[in-house]
Protein backbone atom coordinates (compact mmCIF):
# COMPACT_ATOMS: atom_id res chain seq x y z
CA UNK A 1 0.00 0.00 0.00
CA UNK A 2 3.00 2.33 0.34
CA UNK A 3 2.62 5.70 2.02
CA UNK A 4 -1.18 5.63 1.80
CA UNK A 5 -1.21 2.86 4.43
CA UNK A 6 -1.31 5.75 6.92
CA UNK A 7 -4.77 6.56 5.52
CA UNK A 8 -6.11 3.01 5.50
CA UNK A 9 -8.94 3.92 7.92
CA UNK A 10 -10.18 6.67 5.59
CA UNK A 11 -12.59 6.64 2.68
CA UNK A 12 -11.28 8.45 -0.38
CA UNK A 13 -12.86 10.26 -3.30
CA UNK A 14 -11.79 12.71 -5.99
CA UNK A 15 -13.42 16.12 -5.75
CA UNK A 16 -13.59 18.49 -8.72
CA UNK A 17 -14.54 22.15 -8.73
CA UNK A 18 -13.50 24.60 -11.41
CA UNK A 19 -10.18 23.64 -13.00
CA UNK A 20 -8.94 21.50 -10.10
CA UNK A 21 -9.43 17.93 -8.98
CA UNK A 22 -7.87 16.67 -5.77
CA UNK A 23 -8.21 13.48 -3.70
CA UNK A 24 -10.01 13.91 -0.38
CA UNK A 25 -9.83 11.52 2.58
CA UNK A 26 -12.85 11.25 4.90
CA UNK A 27 -13.37 9.68 8.31
CA UNK A 28 -15.77 9.94 11.24
CA UNK A 29 -19.33 11.00 11.86
CA UNK A 30 -20.99 14.22 12.94
CA UNK A 31 -20.46 17.78 11.64
CA UNK A 32 -17.59 18.35 9.20
CA UNK A 33 -14.12 19.78 9.71
CA UNK A 34 -11.88 20.47 6.69
CA UNK A 35 -8.23 19.95 7.64
CA UNK A 36 -5.73 21.52 5.25
CA UNK A 37 -2.24 20.07 5.58
CA UNK A 38 1.06 21.89 5.77
CA UNK A 39 4.19 21.43 3.65
CA UNK A 40 5.26 18.85 2.59
CA UNK A 41 1.82 17.25 2.39
CA UNK A 42 -0.74 15.06 4.10
CA UNK A 43 1.87 13.46 6.36
CA UNK A 44 1.22 11.02 9.23
CA UNK A 45 1.20 13.65 12.00
CA UNK A 46 -1.52 15.64 10.19
CA UNK A 47 -3.47 12.39 9.90
CA UNK A 48 -3.03 11.72 13.62
CA UNK A 49 -4.42 15.16 14.42
CA UNK A 50 -7.38 14.41 12.14
CA UNK A 51 -7.89 11.09 13.93
CA UNK A 52 -8.26 12.95 17.23
CA UNK A 53 -10.78 15.39 15.72
CA UNK A 54 -12.79 12.46 14.37
CA UNK A 55 -12.64 10.71 17.76
CA UNK A 56 -14.17 13.85 19.30
CA UNK A 57 -17.35 13.33 17.26
CA UNK A 58 -16.76 15.04 13.93
CA UNK A 59 -16.28 14.04 10.30
CA UNK A 60 -12.87 15.05 8.99
CA UNK A 61 -12.21 15.88 5.35
CA UNK A 62 -8.53 15.86 4.40
CA UNK A 63 -7.84 17.23 0.92
CA UNK A 64 -4.44 16.37 -0.53
CA UNK A 65 -3.32 19.65 -2.12
CA UNK A 66 0.34 18.78 -2.83
CA UNK A 67 2.87 16.13 -1.93
CA UNK A 68 2.31 12.38 -1.54
CA UNK A 69 -0.53 11.39 0.82
CA UNK A 70 0.80 9.57 3.88
CA UNK A 71 4.49 10.19 3.20
CA UNK A 72 6.47 11.08 6.36
CA UNK A 73 8.26 14.42 6.67
CA UNK A 74 11.92 14.61 5.70
CA UNK A 75 13.99 17.70 4.97
CA UNK A 76 14.64 16.80 1.32
CA UNK A 77 10.99 15.95 0.68
CA UNK A 78 9.83 19.21 2.31
CA UNK A 79 12.28 21.35 0.32
CA UNK A 80 11.23 19.76 -2.96
CA UNK A 81 7.53 20.31 -2.30
CA UNK A 82 8.16 23.86 -1.11
CA UNK A 83 10.05 24.73 -4.31
CA UNK A 84 7.28 23.27 -6.44
CA UNK A 85 4.51 25.03 -4.53
CA UNK A 86 6.21 28.42 -4.38
CA UNK A 87 7.88 28.59 -7.78
CA UNK A 88 5.66 26.52 -10.07
CA UNK A 89 2.13 25.96 -8.80
CA UNK A 90 -0.30 28.65 -9.96
CA UNK A 91 -3.15 27.74 -7.61
CA UNK A 92 -1.31 29.21 -4.62
CA UNK A 93 -0.43 32.79 -3.68
CA UNK A 94 2.90 32.85 -1.86
CA UNK A 95 4.15 36.40 -2.18
CA UNK A 96 1.35 38.98 -2.37
CA UNK A 97 -0.28 40.36 0.77
CA UNK A 98 -3.99 41.13 0.62
CA UNK A 99 -4.76 38.30 -1.79
CA UNK A 100 -5.94 34.74 -1.22
CA UNK A 101 -4.91 31.67 -3.20
CA UNK A 102 -7.06 30.57 -6.17
CA UNK A 103 -7.28 27.12 -4.52
CA UNK A 104 -9.48 28.66 -1.81
CA UNK A 105 -12.41 28.61 -4.27
CA UNK A 106 -12.05 24.82 -4.49
CA UNK A 107 -11.89 24.56 -0.69
CA UNK A 108 -15.06 26.62 -0.29
CA UNK A 109 -16.82 24.21 -2.63
CA UNK A 110 -15.51 21.27 -0.59
CA UNK A 111 -16.86 22.90 2.59
CA UNK A 112 -20.31 23.25 0.96
CA UNK A 113 -20.25 19.57 -0.01
CA UNK A 114 -19.13 18.54 3.47
CA UNK A 115 -21.87 20.55 5.16
CA UNK A 116 -24.48 19.09 2.83
CA UNK A 117 -23.32 15.58 3.70
CA UNK A 118 -22.80 16.02 7.44
CA UNK A 119 -25.19 18.72 8.61
CA UNK A 120 -24.71 20.46 11.92
CA UNK A 121 -24.41 24.20 12.49
CA UNK A 122 -21.64 24.49 9.93
CA UNK A 123 -18.12 23.43 9.02
CA UNK A 124 -14.84 23.87 10.86
CA UNK A 125 -11.69 24.62 8.87
CA UNK A 126 -8.04 24.59 9.88
CA UNK A 127 -5.06 25.52 7.75
CA UNK A 128 -1.43 24.90 8.66
CA UNK A 129 1.72 26.75 7.58
CA UNK A 130 1.43 27.19 3.79
CA UNK A 131 -2.36 26.79 4.05
CA UNK A 132 -2.61 28.53 7.42
CA UNK A 133 -4.52 31.57 6.20
CA UNK A 134 -6.92 29.66 3.98
CA UNK A 135 -9.53 29.18 6.71
CA UNK A 136 -10.01 32.95 7.01
CA UNK A 137 -10.47 33.39 3.25
CA UNK A 138 -12.96 30.51 3.31
CA UNK A 139 -15.31 32.59 5.49
CA UNK A 140 -17.00 33.94 2.36
CA UNK A 141 -18.61 30.47 2.22
CA UNK A 142 -21.59 30.64 4.64
CA UNK A 143 -21.18 27.04 5.80
CA UNK A 144 -17.73 27.79 7.34
CA UNK A 145 -18.27 28.78 10.98
CA UNK A 146 -15.07 27.82 12.82
CA UNK A 147 -11.81 29.03 11.19
CA UNK A 148 -8.46 28.09 12.74
CA UNK A 149 -5.15 29.47 11.47
CA UNK A 150 -2.20 27.37 12.62
CA UNK A 151 1.18 29.02 11.99
CA UNK A 152 -0.15 31.02 8.96
CA UNK A 153 3.04 31.51 6.93
CA UNK A 154 1.90 33.16 3.71
CA UNK A 155 2.75 35.56 2.23
CA UNK A 156 6.42 34.76 2.74
CA UNK A 157 7.77 37.40 5.08
CA UNK A 158 11.50 37.30 4.28
CA UNK A 159 12.89 40.64 3.12
CA UNK A 160 9.65 42.63 3.21
CA UNK A 161 7.98 44.49 6.08
CA UNK A 162 4.80 44.65 4.02
CA UNK A 163 4.66 40.88 3.61
CA UNK A 164 5.67 40.33 7.25
CA UNK A 165 2.58 42.24 8.34
CA UNK A 166 0.46 40.90 5.49
CA UNK A 167 -2.16 38.19 5.43
CA UNK A 168 -3.25 36.03 2.51
CA UNK A 169 -6.84 37.21 2.36
CA UNK A 170 -8.32 39.97 0.22
CA UNK A 171 -9.97 43.10 1.67
CA UNK A 172 -13.33 41.70 0.55
CA UNK A 173 -12.70 38.42 2.36
CA UNK A 174 -11.55 40.24 5.50
CA UNK A 175 -14.64 42.47 5.43
CA UNK A 176 -16.91 39.45 4.98
CA UNK A 177 -15.32 37.66 7.93
CA UNK A 178 -15.67 40.74 10.14
CA UNK A 179 -19.34 41.08 9.21
CA UNK A 180 -20.03 37.42 9.86
CA UNK A 181 -18.16 37.49 13.17
CA UNK A 182 -20.38 40.37 14.28
CA UNK A 183 -23.70 39.19 12.83
CA UNK A 184 -23.38 35.49 13.72
CA UNK A 185 -21.34 35.81 16.93
CA UNK A 186 -18.43 33.87 15.40
CA UNK A 187 -14.68 34.10 15.95
CA UNK A 188 -11.40 32.50 14.91
CA UNK A 189 -8.29 31.06 16.51
CA UNK A 190 -4.67 31.67 15.50
CA UNK A 191 -1.72 29.62 16.74
CA UNK A 192 2.03 30.10 16.50
CA UNK A 193 5.33 29.80 18.32
CA UNK A 194 6.52 33.29 19.25
CA UNK A 195 9.99 32.70 17.80
CA UNK A 196 8.71 31.45 14.43
CA UNK A 197 10.25 33.57 11.66
CA UNK A 198 7.65 32.26 9.22
CA UNK A 199 4.88 33.83 11.34
CA UNK A 200 6.30 37.18 12.45
CA UNK A 201 4.93 39.35 15.25
CA UNK A 202 3.73 41.87 12.67
CA UNK A 203 1.39 39.33 11.07
CA UNK A 204 -0.30 38.44 14.33
CA UNK A 205 -0.47 42.17 15.12
CA UNK A 206 -2.45 42.58 11.89
CA UNK A 207 -4.91 39.85 12.87
CA UNK A 208 -5.31 41.41 16.33
CA UNK A 209 -5.83 44.89 14.90
CA UNK A 210 -8.28 43.81 12.21
CA UNK A 211 -10.39 41.42 14.29
CA UNK A 212 -9.95 42.54 17.90
CA UNK A 213 -11.41 40.14 20.44
CA UNK A 214 -12.80 37.96 17.64
CA UNK A 215 -9.22 36.74 17.09
CA UNK A 216 -8.12 34.34 19.82
CA UNK A 217 -4.31 34.29 19.67
CA UNK A 218 -2.53 31.25 21.13
CA UNK A 219 1.18 32.08 21.19
CA UNK A 220 3.65 29.54 22.53
CA UNK A 221 7.22 29.51 23.80
CA UNK A 222 10.02 27.39 22.30
CA UNK A 223 10.18 25.23 25.42
CA UNK A 224 6.52 24.29 24.91
CA UNK A 225 7.39 22.42 21.71
CA UNK A 226 8.39 18.83 21.15
CA UNK A 227 12.14 18.87 20.37
CA UNK A 228 13.10 18.51 16.73
CA UNK A 229 15.90 19.30 14.32
CA UNK A 230 14.63 22.80 13.59
CA UNK A 231 13.09 25.70 15.55
CA UNK A 232 9.45 25.07 16.50
CA UNK A 233 6.84 25.76 13.84
CA UNK A 234 4.07 23.17 13.49
CA UNK A 235 1.85 23.65 16.53
CA UNK A 236 -0.66 20.84 15.92
CA UNK A 237 1.66 18.27 14.32
CA UNK A 238 5.46 18.06 14.29
CA UNK A 239 6.03 20.11 17.45
CA UNK A 240 2.98 18.99 19.42
CA UNK A 241 3.90 17.47 22.79
CA UNK A 242 1.78 14.90 24.58
CA UNK A 243 1.27 17.30 27.49
CA UNK A 244 1.72 20.95 28.33
CA UNK A 245 0.75 24.10 26.42
CA UNK A 246 0.77 22.63 22.89
CA UNK A 247 -1.56 19.83 23.95
CA UNK A 248 -3.80 22.39 25.66
CA UNK A 249 -3.81 24.35 22.40
CA UNK A 250 -4.93 21.26 20.50
CA UNK A 251 -7.69 20.62 23.06
CA UNK A 252 -8.86 24.23 22.66
CA UNK A 253 -9.02 23.87 18.87
CA UNK A 254 -11.04 20.64 19.06
CA UNK A 255 -13.40 22.16 21.65
CA UNK A 256 -13.83 25.20 19.37
CA UNK A 257 -14.80 22.93 16.46
CA UNK A 258 -17.28 21.02 18.63
CA UNK A 259 -18.90 24.18 19.96
CA UNK A 260 -19.23 25.98 16.64
CA UNK A 261 -20.31 23.01 14.52
CA UNK A 262 -22.70 21.57 17.09
CA UNK A 263 -20.91 18.24 17.46
């Protein structure tokens, strides 16, 4: 079965909307949560996080947007996928602040499908790293009621104060989210390690300024992370510890999904 053995407990289907078709992995019962993986792809630690969301009484939808589903993280694999996504793939916005990725349209359509299949109050959505900001842009889809932004790393901040403070959502998408937060009593969660150069202080300052108390910021110290070969980055996966503040952050995210979706 190869790498996809990690997804052996999941149903799979191809989903098409507009010009894109991607495989989607589904597991669980109850209201839906769309889990968007980080670079390099739908790796085993993302799947383990999804397993815990499903065990809490929700149906998880895992689209595979790039990389090889189930393949473990290695440095060489991650660098190759990053180069492809940043330099070649046209469905992603990596550099421009104030603009979402074209792939978000496909994700909104997936959220509509998931809500139609699973019911509940609406759909949760979490993005990680490269996809971290997607859940905010998805708020223009009425079924999305619980956005979570885990280490939102786009646009790439290096060398630009504008990008460092920027977010990958358009002014229209930001305005829509603000209106929905006010009208529907919704909110969002953002997570990061304070030292993470991919998620600079200025970016979280932008979220705090734009959304006020509707943005719940969970900001962690380096010592809260599971040790690894690089500085801490992936709050819900690679650097999640079995106890302590990162585990509490995961529990908060799952409780947020349950509350908002009606699980």
